[in-house]
Amino acid sequence: MITDPLVGLVKAIGSKRFTLEYPEEKQQLPDNYRGKLRLDMDTCISCKACEIICPNKTIDMVDVQTDKGTKIMPQVNHERCLFCGLCEEVCPPKCLTLTKSYDYERYDRRDFVDRPEDLQ
């Protein structure tokens, strides 16, 4: 009875570690992993399709100053995002893409909201 936990302890000590020294060591991600959104501001046509299709109302369209004047572009609240990929699928010029980035460490909840300039 008492020997079973001790044997398990010895096996655990001898096995390889489970934690990574982040950010020096990065986790291997599968090909279908969905991370943070990236926006190509040059190809965005301000169609609002991403805002309309988002099931969790993660995307809001905001005014952005560009060299051609004011345009509306998506602002993303990563705290609410489900990473479903619908915004990427519905985007006509494919300017919204899901990356493999998974760094979500923040000290303030307001930092999860990324303006279009931050999504590049």
PDB file of N, CA and C in Angstrom:
ATOM      1  N   MET A   1       0.813  -1.188   0.000  1.00  0.00           N
ATOM      2  CA  MET A   1       0.000   0.000   0.000  1.00  0.00           C
ATOM      3  C   MET A   1       0.861   1.258   0.000  1.00  0.00           C
ATOM      4  N   ILE A   2       1.771   1.344   0.947  1.00  0.00           N
ATOM      5  CA  ILE A   2       2.613   2.529   1.065  1.00  0.00           C
ATOM      6  C   ILE A   2       3.658   2.556  -0.048  1.00  0.00           C
ATOM      7  N   THR A   3       4.005   1.425  -0.573  1.00  0.00           N
ATOM      8  CA  THR A   3       5.048   1.384  -1.600  1.00  0.00           C
ATOM      9  C   THR A   3       4.570   1.948  -2.938  1.00  0.00           C
ATOM     10  N   ASP A   4       3.285   1.885  -3.247  1.00  0.00           N
ATOM     11  CA  ASP A   4       2.775   2.391  -4.534  1.00  0.00           C
ATOM     12  C   ASP A   4       3.028   3.891  -4.705  1.00  0.00           C
ATOM     13  N   PRO A   5       2.708   4.738  -3.738  1.00  0.00           N
ATOM     14  CA  PRO A   5       3.007   6.158  -3.914  1.00  0.00           C
ATOM     15  C   PRO A   5       4.502   6.439  -3.998  1.00  0.00           C
ATOM     16  N   LEU A   6       5.310   5.691  -3.252  1.00  0.00           N
ATOM     17  CA  LEU A   6       6.752   5.893  -3.296  1.00  0.00           C
ATOM     18  C   LEU A   6       7.328   5.508  -4.666  1.00  0.00           C
ATOM     19  N   VAL A   7       6.818   4.441  -5.239  1.00  0.00           N
ATOM     20  CA  VAL A   7       7.264   4.032  -6.576  1.00  0.00           C
ATOM     21  C   VAL A   7       6.864   5.093  -7.597  1.00  0.00           C
ATOM     22  N   GLY A   8       5.671   5.626  -7.473  1.00  0.00           N
ATOM     23  CA  GLY A   8       5.226   6.696  -8.362  1.00  0.00           C
ATOM     24  C   GLY A   8       6.081   7.942  -8.226  1.00  0.00           C
ATOM     25  N   LEU A   9       6.485   8.270  -7.019  1.00  0.00           N
ATOM     26  CA  LEU A   9       7.342   9.425  -6.766  1.00  0.00           C
ATOM     27  C   LEU A   9       8.711   9.252  -7.416  1.00  0.00           C
ATOM     28  N   VAL A  10       9.282   8.089  -7.289  1.00  0.00           N
ATOM     29  CA  VAL A  10      10.594   7.819  -7.882  1.00  0.00           C
ATOM     30  C   VAL A  10      10.506   7.893  -9.401  1.00  0.00           C
ATOM     31  N   LYS A  11       9.437   7.376  -9.979  1.00  0.00           N
ATOM     32  CA  LYS A  11       9.260   7.457 -11.429  1.00  0.00           C
ATOM     33  C   LYS A  11       9.104   8.904 -11.885  1.00  0.00           C
ATOM     34  N   ALA A  12       8.379   9.698 -11.127  1.00  0.00           N
ATOM     35  CA  ALA A  12       8.171  11.105 -11.484  1.00  0.00           C
ATOM     36  C   ALA A  12       9.471  11.898 -11.405  1.00  0.00           C
ATOM     37  N   ILE A  13      10.291  11.615 -10.429  1.00  0.00           N
ATOM     38  CA  ILE A  13      11.573  12.312 -10.288  1.00  0.00           C
ATOM     39  C   ILE A  13      12.498  11.967 -11.450  1.00  0.00           C
ATOM     40  N   GLY A  14      12.455  10.722 -11.893  1.00  0.00           N
ATOM     41  CA  GLY A  14      13.327  10.277 -12.976  1.00  0.00           C
ATOM     42  C   GLY A  14      12.839  10.663 -14.363  1.00  0.00           C
ATOM     43  N   SER A  15      11.585  11.071 -14.527  1.00  0.00           N
ATOM     44  CA  SER A  15      11.063  11.400 -15.859  1.00  0.00           C
ATOM     45  C   SER A  15      11.451  12.820 -16.256  1.00  0.00           C
ATOM     46  N   LYS A  16      11.274  13.135 -17.549  1.00  0.00           N
ATOM     47  CA  LYS A  16      11.640  14.474 -18.012  1.00  0.00           C
ATOM     48  C   LYS A  16      10.614  15.496 -17.526  1.00  0.00           C
ATOM     49  N   ARG A  17      11.037  16.735 -17.500  1.00  0.00           N
ATOM     50  CA  ARG A  17      10.180  17.789 -16.946  1.00  0.00           C
ATOM     51  C   ARG A  17       9.071  18.165 -17.928  1.00  0.00           C
ATOM     52  N   PHE A  18       8.007  18.719 -17.405  1.00  0.00           N
ATOM     53  CA  PHE A  18       6.848  19.077 -18.207  1.00  0.00           C
ATOM     54  C   PHE A  18       6.800  20.564 -18.535  1.00  0.00           C
ATOM     55  N   THR A  19       7.471  21.391 -17.775  1.00  0.00           N
ATOM     56  CA  THR A  19       7.398  22.829 -17.987  1.00  0.00           C
ATOM     57  C   THR A  19       8.483  23.290 -18.959  1.00  0.00           C
ATOM     58  N   LEU A  20       8.230  24.421 -19.600  1.00  0.00           N
ATOM     59  CA  LEU A  20       9.182  25.014 -20.531  1.00  0.00           C
ATOM     60  C   LEU A  20       9.702  26.315 -19.953  1.00  0.00           C
ATOM     61  N   GLU A  21      10.913  26.684 -20.303  1.00  0.00           N
ATOM     62  CA  GLU A  21      11.486  27.961 -19.886  1.00  0.00           C
ATOM     63  C   GLU A  21      11.056  29.026 -20.894  1.00  0.00           C
ATOM     64  N   TYR A  22       9.793  29.442 -20.795  1.00  0.00           N
ATOM     65  CA  TYR A  22       9.252  30.444 -21.717  1.00  0.00           C
ATOM     66  C   TYR A  22       9.839  31.802 -21.391  1.00  0.00           C
ATOM     67  N   PRO A  23      10.212  32.636 -22.307  1.00  0.00           N
ATOM     68  CA  PRO A  23      10.068  32.611 -23.764  1.00  0.00           C
ATOM     69  C   PRO A  23      11.256  32.012 -24.502  1.00  0.00           C
ATOM     70  N   GLU A  24      12.270  31.513 -23.821  1.00  0.00           N
ATOM     71  CA  GLU A  24      13.411  30.915 -24.516  1.00  0.00           C
ATOM     72  C   GLU A  24      12.993  29.639 -25.240  1.00  0.00           C
ATOM     73  N   GLU A  25      12.193  28.813 -24.595  1.00  0.00           N
ATOM     74  CA  GLU A  25      11.698  27.577 -25.201  1.00  0.00           C
ATOM     75  C   GLU A  25      10.225  27.782 -25.563  1.00  0.00           C
ATOM     76  N   LYS A  26       9.888  27.470 -26.787  1.00  0.00           N
ATOM     77  CA  LYS A  26       8.505  27.607 -27.233  1.00  0.00           C
ATOM     78  C   LYS A  26       7.891  26.222 -27.424  1.00  0.00           C
ATOM     79  N   GLN A  27       6.626  26.133 -27.160  1.00  0.00           N
ATOM     80  CA  GLN A  27       5.894  24.886 -27.297  1.00  0.00           C
ATOM     81  C   GLN A  27       5.672  24.572 -28.771  1.00  0.00           C
ATOM     82  N   GLN A  28       5.763  23.306 -29.143  1.00  0.00           N
ATOM     83  CA  GLN A  28       5.465  22.890 -30.510  1.00  0.00           C
ATOM     84  C   GLN A  28       3.951  22.878 -30.690  1.00  0.00           C
ATOM     85  N   LEU A  29       3.467  23.630 -31.672  1.00  0.00           N
ATOM     86  CA  LEU A  29       2.031  23.768 -31.888  1.00  0.00           C
ATOM     87  C   LEU A  29       1.583  22.946 -33.090  1.00  0.00           C
ATOM     88  N   PRO A  30       0.370  22.415 -33.060  1.00  0.00           N
ATOM     89  CA  PRO A  30      -0.125  21.673 -34.222  1.00  0.00           C
ATOM     90  C   PRO A  30      -0.399  22.621 -35.396  1.00  0.00           C
ATOM     91  N   ASP A  31      -0.515  22.064 -36.581  1.00  0.00           N
ATOM     92  CA  ASP A  31      -0.724  22.871 -37.786  1.00  0.00           C
ATOM     93  C   ASP A  31      -2.044  23.637 -37.753  1.00  0.00           C
ATOM     94  N   ASN A  32      -3.059  23.099 -37.116  1.00  0.00           N
ATOM     95  CA  ASN A  32      -4.364  23.753 -37.091  1.00  0.00           C
ATOM     96  C   ASN A  32      -4.570  24.654 -35.873  1.00  0.00           C
ATOM     97  N   TYR A  33      -3.483  25.040 -35.190  1.00  0.00           N
ATOM     98  CA  TYR A  33      -3.584  25.921 -34.022  1.00  0.00           C
ATOM     99  C   TYR A  33      -4.043  27.307 -34.447  1.00  0.00           C
ATOM    100  N   ARG A  34      -4.937  27.901 -33.681  1.00  0.00           N
ATOM    101  CA  ARG A  34      -5.435  29.246 -33.949  1.00  0.00           C
ATOM    102  C   ARG A  34      -5.043  30.155 -32.801  1.00  0.00           C
ATOM    103  N   GLY A  35      -4.252  31.180 -33.121  1.00  0.00           N
ATOM    104  CA  GLY A  35      -3.802  32.124 -32.114  1.00  0.00           C
ATOM    105  C   GLY A  35      -4.341  33.518 -32.395  1.00  0.00           C
ATOM    106  N   LYS A  36      -3.547  34.515 -32.078  1.00  0.00           N
ATOM    107  CA  LYS A  36      -3.955  35.911 -32.234  1.00  0.00           C
ATOM    108  C   LYS A  36      -4.254  36.270 -33.684  1.00  0.00           C
ATOM    109  N   LEU A  37      -5.123  37.240 -33.846  1.00  0.00           N
ATOM    110  CA  LEU A  37      -5.444  37.734 -35.180  1.00  0.00           C
ATOM    111  C   LEU A  37      -4.394  38.723 -35.664  1.00  0.00           C
ATOM    112  N   ARG A  38      -4.133  38.700 -36.961  1.00  0.00           N
ATOM    113  CA  ARG A  38      -3.257  39.681 -37.594  1.00  0.00           C
ATOM    114  C   ARG A  38      -4.047  40.360 -38.703  1.00  0.00           C
ATOM    115  N   LEU A  39      -3.863  41.670 -38.851  1.00  0.00           N
ATOM    116  CA  LEU A  39      -4.591  42.459 -39.830  1.00  0.00           C
ATOM    117  C   LEU A  39      -3.625  43.107 -40.804  1.00  0.00           C
ATOM    118  N   ASP A  40      -3.913  42.976 -42.086  1.00  0.00           N
ATOM    119  CA  ASP A  40      -3.167  43.691 -43.117  1.00  0.00           C
ATOM    120  C   ASP A  40      -3.984  44.940 -43.458  1.00  0.00           C
ATOM    121  N   MET A  41      -3.559  46.067 -42.924  1.00  0.00           N
ATOM    122  CA  MET A  41      -4.333  47.303 -43.064  1.00  0.00           C
ATOM    123  C   MET A  41      -4.392  47.798 -44.504  1.00  0.00           C
ATOM    124  N   ASP A  42      -3.435  47.435 -45.327  1.00  0.00           N
ATOM    125  CA  ASP A  42      -3.422  47.907 -46.708  1.00  0.00           C
ATOM    126  C   ASP A  42      -4.502  47.247 -47.555  1.00  0.00           C
ATOM    127  N   THR A  43      -4.833  45.995 -47.246  1.00  0.00           N
ATOM    128  CA  THR A  43      -5.819  45.282 -48.063  1.00  0.00           C
ATOM    129  C   THR A  43      -7.229  45.302 -47.468  1.00  0.00           C
ATOM    130  N   CYS A  44      -7.403  45.824 -46.271  1.00  0.00           N
ATOM    131  CA  CYS A  44      -8.727  45.875 -45.645  1.00  0.00           C
ATOM    132  C   CYS A  44      -9.633  46.819 -46.427  1.00  0.00           C
ATOM    133  N   ILE A  45     -10.852  46.343 -46.746  1.00  0.00           N
ATOM    134  CA  ILE A  45     -11.796  47.153 -47.525  1.00  0.00           C
ATOM    135  C   ILE A  45     -12.939  47.688 -46.669  1.00  0.00           C
ATOM    136  N   SER A  46     -12.853  47.561 -45.375  1.00  0.00           N
ATOM    137  CA  SER A  46     -13.853  48.082 -44.425  1.00  0.00           C
ATOM    138  C   SER A  46     -15.252  47.559 -44.701  1.00  0.00           C
ATOM    139  N   CYS A  47     -15.370  46.282 -44.972  1.00  0.00           N
ATOM    140  CA  CYS A  47     -16.670  45.704 -45.328  1.00  0.00           C
ATOM    141  C   CYS A  47     -17.511  45.331 -44.115  1.00  0.00           C
ATOM    142  N   LYS A  48     -16.945  45.254 -42.943  1.00  0.00           N
ATOM    143  CA  LYS A  48     -17.618  44.902 -41.685  1.00  0.00           C
ATOM    144  C   LYS A  48     -18.077  43.448 -41.613  1.00  0.00           C
ATOM    145  N   ALA A  49     -17.662  42.608 -42.537  1.00  0.00           N
ATOM    146  CA  ALA A  49     -18.087  41.206 -42.521  1.00  0.00           C
ATOM    147  C   ALA A  49     -17.585  40.494 -41.273  1.00  0.00           C
ATOM    148  N   CYS A  50     -16.381  40.811 -40.832  1.00  0.00           N
ATOM    149  CA  CYS A  50     -15.817  40.167 -39.637  1.00  0.00           C
ATOM    150  C   CYS A  50     -16.607  40.552 -38.381  1.00  0.00           C
ATOM    151  N   GLU A  51     -17.025  41.799 -38.311  1.00  0.00           N
ATOM    152  CA  GLU A  51     -17.802  42.256 -37.154  1.00  0.00           C
ATOM    153  C   GLU A  51     -19.178  41.596 -37.129  1.00  0.00           C
ATOM    154  N   ILE A  52     -19.776  41.441 -38.284  1.00  0.00           N
ATOM    155  CA  ILE A  52     -21.123  40.868 -38.372  1.00  0.00           C
ATOM    156  C   ILE A  52     -21.125  39.383 -38.029  1.00  0.00           C
ATOM    157  N   ILE A  53     -20.123  38.635 -38.499  1.00  0.00           N
ATOM    158  CA  ILE A  53     -20.119  37.179 -38.316  1.00  0.00           C
ATOM    159  C   ILE A  53     -19.632  36.737 -36.947  1.00  0.00           C
ATOM    160  N   CYS A  54     -18.924  37.574 -36.225  1.00  0.00           N
ATOM    161  CA  CYS A  54     -18.323  37.176 -34.948  1.00  0.00           C
ATOM    162  C   CYS A  54     -19.411  36.778 -33.946  1.00  0.00           C
ATOM    163  N   PRO A  55     -19.414  35.517 -33.481  1.00  0.00           N
ATOM    164  CA  PRO A  55     -20.477  35.060 -32.581  1.00  0.00           C
ATOM    165  C   PRO A  55     -20.392  35.646 -31.176  1.00  0.00           C
ATOM    166  N   ASN A  56     -19.237  36.121 -30.790  1.00  0.00           N
ATOM    167  CA  ASN A  56     -19.054  36.616 -29.432  1.00  0.00           C
ATOM    168  C   ASN A  56     -18.897  38.128 -29.371  1.00  0.00           C
ATOM    169  N   LYS A  57     -19.135  38.802 -30.483  1.00  0.00           N
ATOM    170  CA  LYS A  57     -19.016  40.273 -30.578  1.00  0.00           C
ATOM    171  C   LYS A  57     -17.628  40.734 -30.125  1.00  0.00           C
ATOM    172  N   THR A  58     -16.617  40.038 -30.599  1.00  0.00           N
ATOM    173  CA  THR A  58     -15.229  40.343 -30.266  1.00  0.00           C
ATOM    174  C   THR A  58     -14.701  41.513 -31.079  1.00  0.00           C
ATOM    175  N   ILE A  59     -15.199  41.668 -32.297  1.00  0.00           N
ATOM    176  CA  ILE A  59     -14.666  42.654 -33.232  1.00  0.00           C
ATOM    177  C   ILE A  59     -15.593  43.864 -33.302  1.00  0.00           C
ATOM    178  N   ASP A  60     -15.007  45.046 -33.150  1.00  0.00           N
ATOM    179  CA  ASP A  60     -15.700  46.321 -33.319  1.00  0.00           C
ATOM    180  C   ASP A  60     -14.972  47.102 -34.402  1.00  0.00           C
ATOM    181  N   MET A  61     -15.704  47.812 -35.215  1.00  0.00           N
ATOM    182  CA  MET A  61     -15.088  48.636 -36.250  1.00  0.00           C
ATOM    183  C   MET A  61     -14.840  50.035 -35.679  1.00  0.00           C
ATOM    184  N   VAL A  62     -13.605  50.529 -35.840  1.00  0.00           N
ATOM    185  CA  VAL A  62     -13.220  51.840 -35.321  1.00  0.00           C
ATOM    186  C   VAL A  62     -12.580  52.655 -36.449  1.00  0.00           C
ATOM    187  N   ASP A  63     -12.590  53.968 -36.283  1.00  0.00           N
ATOM    188  CA  ASP A  63     -11.967  54.859 -37.259  1.00  0.00           C
ATOM    189  C   ASP A  63     -10.453  54.840 -37.096  1.00  0.00           C
ATOM    190  N   VAL A  64      -9.759  54.791 -38.238  1.00  0.00           N
ATOM    191  CA  VAL A  64      -8.299  54.787 -38.258  1.00  0.00           C
ATOM    192  C   VAL A  64      -7.839  55.777 -39.315  1.00  0.00           C
ATOM    193  N   GLN A  65      -6.853  56.580 -38.950  1.00  0.00           N
ATOM    194  CA  GLN A  65      -6.272  57.517 -39.909  1.00  0.00           C
ATOM    195  C   GLN A  65      -5.250  56.787 -40.770  1.00  0.00           C
ATOM    196  N   THR A  66      -5.417  56.835 -42.081  1.00  0.00           N
ATOM    197  CA  THR A  66      -4.451  56.265 -43.021  1.00  0.00           C
ATOM    198  C   THR A  66      -3.948  57.370 -43.930  1.00  0.00           C
ATOM    199  N   ASP A  67      -3.011  57.035 -44.794  1.00  0.00           N
ATOM    200  CA  ASP A  67      -2.491  58.042 -45.711  1.00  0.00           C
ATOM    201  C   ASP A  67      -3.531  58.468 -46.749  1.00  0.00           C
ATOM    202  N   LYS A  68      -4.586  57.677 -46.927  1.00  0.00           N
ATOM    203  CA  LYS A  68      -5.663  58.004 -47.868  1.00  0.00           C
ATOM    204  C   LYS A  68      -6.887  58.586 -47.176  1.00  0.00           C
ATOM    205  N   GLY A  69      -6.771  58.911 -45.908  1.00  0.00           N
ATOM    206  CA  GLY A  69      -7.898  59.465 -45.154  1.00  0.00           C
ATOM    207  C   GLY A  69      -8.330  58.537 -44.035  1.00  0.00           C
ATOM    208  N   THR A  70      -9.545  58.750 -43.546  1.00  0.00           N
ATOM    209  CA  THR A  70     -10.078  57.946 -42.450  1.00  0.00           C
ATOM    210  C   THR A  70     -10.771  56.710 -42.999  1.00  0.00           C
ATOM    211  N   LYS A  71     -10.472  55.565 -42.402  1.00  0.00           N
ATOM    212  CA  LYS A  71     -11.072  54.290 -42.763  1.00  0.00           C
ATOM    213  C   LYS A  71     -11.571  53.607 -41.504  1.00  0.00           C
ATOM    214  N   ILE A  72     -12.570  52.749 -41.620  1.00  0.00           N
ATOM    215  CA  ILE A  72     -12.975  51.950 -40.465  1.00  0.00           C
ATOM    216  C   ILE A  72     -12.325  50.575 -40.603  1.00  0.00           C
ATOM    217  N   MET A  73     -11.767  50.116 -39.492  1.00  0.00           N
ATOM    218  CA  MET A  73     -11.062  48.828 -39.469  1.00  0.00           C
ATOM    219  C   MET A  73     -11.376  48.095 -38.170  1.00  0.00           C
ATOM    220  N   PRO A  74     -11.140  46.783 -38.153  1.00  0.00           N
ATOM    221  CA  PRO A  74     -11.503  45.995 -36.972  1.00  0.00           C
ATOM    222  C   PRO A  74     -10.577  46.205 -35.775  1.00  0.00           C
ATOM    223  N   GLN A  75     -11.212  46.338 -34.631  1.00  0.00           N
ATOM    224  CA  GLN A  75     -10.519  46.353 -33.343  1.00  0.00           C
ATOM    225  C   GLN A  75     -10.928  45.071 -32.633  1.00  0.00           C
ATOM    226  N   VAL A  76      -9.971  44.325 -32.098  1.00  0.00           N
ATOM    227  CA  VAL A  76     -10.241  42.992 -31.556  1.00  0.00           C
ATOM    228  C   VAL A  76     -10.020  42.965 -30.052  1.00  0.00           C
ATOM    229  N   ASN A  77     -10.992  42.423 -29.337  1.00  0.00           N
ATOM    230  CA  ASN A  77     -10.864  42.185 -27.905  1.00  0.00           C
ATOM    231  C   ASN A  77     -10.507  40.707 -27.727  1.00  0.00           C
ATOM    232  N   HIS A  78      -9.222  40.415 -27.555  1.00  0.00           N
ATOM    233  CA  HIS A  78      -8.758  39.030 -27.472  1.00  0.00           C
ATOM    234  C   HIS A  78      -9.282  38.305 -26.233  1.00  0.00           C
ATOM    235  N   GLU A  79      -9.726  39.038 -25.251  1.00  0.00           N
ATOM    236  CA  GLU A  79     -10.277  38.416 -24.045  1.00  0.00           C
ATOM    237  C   GLU A  79     -11.587  37.698 -24.350  1.00  0.00           C
ATOM    238  N   ARG A  80     -12.325  38.172 -25.330  1.00  0.00           N
ATOM    239  CA  ARG A  80     -13.620  37.581 -25.680  1.00  0.00           C
ATOM    240  C   ARG A  80     -13.536  36.597 -26.839  1.00  0.00           C
ATOM    241  N   CYS A  81     -12.402  36.553 -27.536  1.00  0.00           N
ATOM    242  CA  CYS A  81     -12.282  35.765 -28.766  1.00  0.00           C
ATOM    243  C   CYS A  81     -12.386  34.264 -28.488  1.00  0.00           C
ATOM    244  N   LEU A  82     -13.148  33.571 -29.322  1.00  0.00           N
ATOM    245  CA  LEU A  82     -13.304  32.120 -29.224  1.00  0.00           C
ATOM    246  C   LEU A  82     -12.333  31.383 -30.141  1.00  0.00           C
ATOM    247  N   PHE A  83     -11.612  32.101 -30.987  1.00  0.00           N
ATOM    248  CA  PHE A  83     -10.673  31.532 -31.951  1.00  0.00           C
ATOM    249  C   PHE A  83     -11.378  30.545 -32.872  1.00  0.00           C
ATOM    250  N   CYS A  84     -12.596  30.892 -33.264  1.00  0.00           N
ATOM    251  CA  CYS A  84     -13.379  30.019 -34.132  1.00  0.00           C
ATOM    252  C   CYS A  84     -12.935  30.119 -35.590  1.00  0.00           C
ATOM    253  N   GLY A  85     -12.349  31.229 -35.986  1.00  0.00           N
ATOM    254  CA  GLY A  85     -11.854  31.395 -37.347  1.00  0.00           C
ATOM    255  C   GLY A  85     -12.888  31.878 -38.341  1.00  0.00           C
ATOM    256  N   LEU A  86     -14.098  32.203 -37.887  1.00  0.00           N
ATOM    257  CA  LEU A  86     -15.125  32.668 -38.814  1.00  0.00           C
ATOM    258  C   LEU A  86     -14.753  34.003 -39.460  1.00  0.00           C
ATOM    259  N   CYS A  87     -14.122  34.880 -38.709  1.00  0.00           N
ATOM    260  CA  CYS A  87     -13.720  36.181 -39.260  1.00  0.00           C
ATOM    261  C   CYS A  87     -12.698  36.002 -40.379  1.00  0.00           C
ATOM    262  N   GLU A  88     -11.813  35.054 -40.221  1.00  0.00           N
ATOM    263  CA  GLU A  88     -10.807  34.775 -41.254  1.00  0.00           C
ATOM    264  C   GLU A  88     -11.460  34.199 -42.505  1.00  0.00           C
ATOM    265  N   GLU A  89     -12.446  33.322 -42.322  1.00  0.00           N
ATOM    266  CA  GLU A  89     -13.124  32.692 -43.457  1.00  0.00           C
ATOM    267  C   GLU A  89     -13.968  33.667 -44.256  1.00  0.00           C
ATOM    268  N   VAL A  90     -14.620  34.609 -43.580  1.00  0.00           N
ATOM    269  CA  VAL A  90     -15.566  35.492 -44.247  1.00  0.00           C
ATOM    270  C   VAL A  90     -14.904  36.722 -44.861  1.00  0.00           C
ATOM    271  N   CYS A  91     -13.672  37.020 -44.524  1.00  0.00           N
ATOM    272  CA  CYS A  91     -12.990  38.227 -44.996  1.00  0.00           C
ATOM    273  C   CYS A  91     -12.719  38.131 -46.505  1.00  0.00           C
ATOM    274  N   PRO A  92     -13.337  39.001 -47.323  1.00  0.00           N
ATOM    275  CA  PRO A  92     -13.164  38.910 -48.782  1.00  0.00           C
ATOM    276  C   PRO A  92     -11.720  39.086 -49.250  1.00  0.00           C
ATOM    277  N   PRO A  93     -10.973  40.101 -48.775  1.00  0.00           N
ATOM    278  CA  PRO A  93      -9.594  40.227 -49.253  1.00  0.00           C
ATOM    279  C   PRO A  93      -8.585  39.407 -48.443  1.00  0.00           C
ATOM    280  N   LYS A  94      -9.074  38.615 -47.463  1.00  0.00           N
ATOM    281  CA  LYS A  94      -8.209  37.793 -46.605  1.00  0.00           C
ATOM    282  C   LYS A  94      -7.169  38.628 -45.864  1.00  0.00           C
ATOM    283  N   CYS A  95      -7.593  39.785 -45.367  1.00  0.00           N
ATOM    284  CA  CYS A  95      -6.669  40.639 -44.619  1.00  0.00           C
ATOM    285  C   CYS A  95      -6.597  40.246 -43.145  1.00  0.00           C
ATOM    286  N   LEU A  96      -7.592  39.522 -42.628  1.00  0.00           N
ATOM    287  CA  LEU A  96      -7.560  39.005 -41.254  1.00  0.00           C
ATOM    288  C   LEU A  96      -7.095  37.553 -41.289  1.00  0.00           C
ATOM    289  N   THR A  97      -6.039  37.244 -40.547  1.00  0.00           N
ATOM    290  CA  THR A  97      -5.541  35.872 -40.480  1.00  0.00           C
ATOM    291  C   THR A  97      -5.225  35.516 -39.032  1.00  0.00           C
ATOM    292  N   LEU A  98      -5.421  34.261 -38.696  1.00  0.00           N
ATOM    293  CA  LEU A  98      -5.079  33.756 -37.370  1.00  0.00           C
ATOM    294  C   LEU A  98      -3.633  33.277 -37.393  1.00  0.00           C
ATOM    295  N   THR A  99      -2.837  33.759 -36.456  1.00  0.00           N
ATOM    296  CA  THR A  99      -1.430  33.396 -36.383  1.00  0.00           C
ATOM    297  C   THR A  99      -1.235  32.289 -35.357  1.00  0.00           C
ATOM    298  N   LYS A 100      -0.005  31.896 -35.144  1.00  0.00           N
ATOM    299  CA  LYS A 100       0.312  30.892 -34.123  1.00  0.00           C
ATOM    300  C   LYS A 100       0.812  31.540 -32.835  1.00  0.00           C
ATOM    301  N   SER A 101       0.651  32.840 -32.703  1.00  0.00           N
ATOM    302  CA  SER A 101       1.093  33.551 -31.501  1.00  0.00           C
ATOM    303  C   SER A 101       0.157  33.243 -30.336  1.00  0.00           C
ATOM    304  N   TYR A 102       0.730  32.951 -29.179  1.00  0.00           N
ATOM    305  CA  TYR A 102      -0.095  32.621 -28.006  1.00  0.00           C
ATOM    306  C   TYR A 102       0.340  33.368 -26.759  1.00  0.00           C
ATOM    307  N   ASP A 103       0.982  34.494 -26.912  1.00  0.00           N
ATOM    308  CA  ASP A 103       1.436  35.279 -25.765  1.00  0.00           C
ATOM    309  C   ASP A 103       0.297  36.195 -25.312  1.00  0.00           C
ATOM    310  N   TYR A 104      -0.391  35.812 -24.254  1.00  0.00           N
ATOM    311  CA  TYR A 104      -1.536  36.576 -23.758  1.00  0.00           C
ATOM    312  C   TYR A 104      -1.320  37.092 -22.344  1.00  0.00           C
ATOM    313  N   GLU A 105      -0.102  37.269 -21.942  1.00  0.00           N
ATOM    314  CA  GLU A 105       0.171  37.750 -20.594  1.00  0.00           C
ATOM    315  C   GLU A 105      -0.070  39.254 -20.532  1.00  0.00           C
ATOM    316  N   ARG A 106      -0.972  39.677 -19.670  1.00  0.00           N
ATOM    317  CA  ARG A 106      -1.310  41.095 -19.510  1.00  0.00           C
ATOM    318  C   ARG A 106      -1.491  41.392 -18.028  1.00  0.00           C
ATOM    319  N   TYR A 107      -1.245  42.642 -17.665  1.00  0.00           N
ATOM    320  CA  TYR A 107      -1.466  43.073 -16.289  1.00  0.00           C
ATOM    321  C   TYR A 107      -2.805  43.775 -16.121  1.00  0.00           C
ATOM    322  N   ASP A 108      -3.361  44.245 -17.237  1.00  0.00           N
ATOM    323  CA  ASP A 108      -4.620  44.983 -17.195  1.00  0.00           C
ATOM    324  C   ASP A 108      -5.547  44.420 -18.265  1.00  0.00           C
ATOM    325  N   ARG A 109      -6.804  44.250 -17.943  1.00  0.00           N
ATOM    326  CA  ARG A 109      -7.769  43.689 -18.890  1.00  0.00           C
ATOM    327  C   ARG A 109      -7.932  44.545 -20.132  1.00  0.00           C
ATOM    328  N   ARG A 110      -7.730  45.848 -20.006  1.00  0.00           N
ATOM    329  CA  ARG A 110      -7.874  46.737 -21.157  1.00  0.00           C
ATOM    330  C   ARG A 110      -6.793  46.501 -22.207  1.00  0.00           C
ATOM    331  N   ASP A 111      -5.703  45.866 -21.815  1.00  0.00           N
ATOM    332  CA  ASP A 111      -4.623  45.592 -22.762  1.00  0.00           C
ATOM    333  C   ASP A 111      -4.961  44.462 -23.738  1.00  0.00           C
ATOM    334  N   PHE A 112      -6.049  43.733 -23.495  1.00  0.00           N
ATOM    335  CA  PHE A 112      -6.469  42.680 -24.417  1.00  0.00           C
ATOM    336  C   PHE A 112      -7.152  43.250 -25.658  1.00  0.00           C
ATOM    337  N   VAL A 113      -7.546  44.509 -25.622  1.00  0.00           N
ATOM    338  CA  VAL A 113      -8.180  45.147 -26.769  1.00  0.00           C
ATOM    339  C   VAL A 113      -7.087  45.723 -27.657  1.00  0.00           C
ATOM    340  N   ASP A 114      -6.998  45.196 -28.883  1.00  0.00           N
ATOM    341  CA  ASP A 114      -5.974  45.644 -29.826  1.00  0.00           C
ATOM    342  C   ASP A 114      -6.599  46.467 -30.939  1.00  0.00           C
ATOM    343  N   ARG A 115      -6.109  47.687 -31.080  1.00  0.00           N
ATOM    344  CA  ARG A 115      -6.525  48.541 -32.187  1.00  0.00           C
ATOM    345  C   ARG A 115      -5.938  48.007 -33.487  1.00  0.00           C
ATOM    346  N   PRO A 116      -6.464  48.429 -34.617  1.00  0.00           N
ATOM    347  CA  PRO A 116      -5.962  47.932 -35.901  1.00  0.00           C
ATOM    348  C   PRO A 116      -4.451  48.098 -36.073  1.00  0.00           C
ATOM    349  N   GLU A 117      -3.906  49.188 -35.543  1.00  0.00           N
ATOM    350  CA  GLU A 117      -2.459  49.402 -35.660  1.00  0.00           C
ATOM    351  C   GLU A 117      -1.674  48.348 -34.891  1.00  0.00           C
ATOM    352  N   ASP A 118      -2.252  47.827 -33.805  1.00  0.00           N
ATOM    353  CA  ASP A 118      -1.586  46.821 -32.978  1.00  0.00           C
ATOM    354  C   ASP A 118      -1.687  45.413 -33.559  1.00  0.00           C
ATOM    355  N   LEU A 119      -2.582  45.212 -34.515  1.00  0.00           N
ATOM    356  CA  LEU A 119      -2.807  43.887 -35.078  1.00  0.00           C
ATOM    357  C   LEU A 119      -1.878  43.568 -36.247  1.00  0.00           C
ATOM    358  N   GLN A 120      -0.992  44.464 -36.576  1.00  0.00           N
ATOM    359  CA  GLN A 120      -0.111  44.227 -37.725  1.00  0.00           C
ATOM    360  C   GLN A 120       1.000  43.284 -37.376  1.00  0.00           C
TER     361      GLN A 120
END
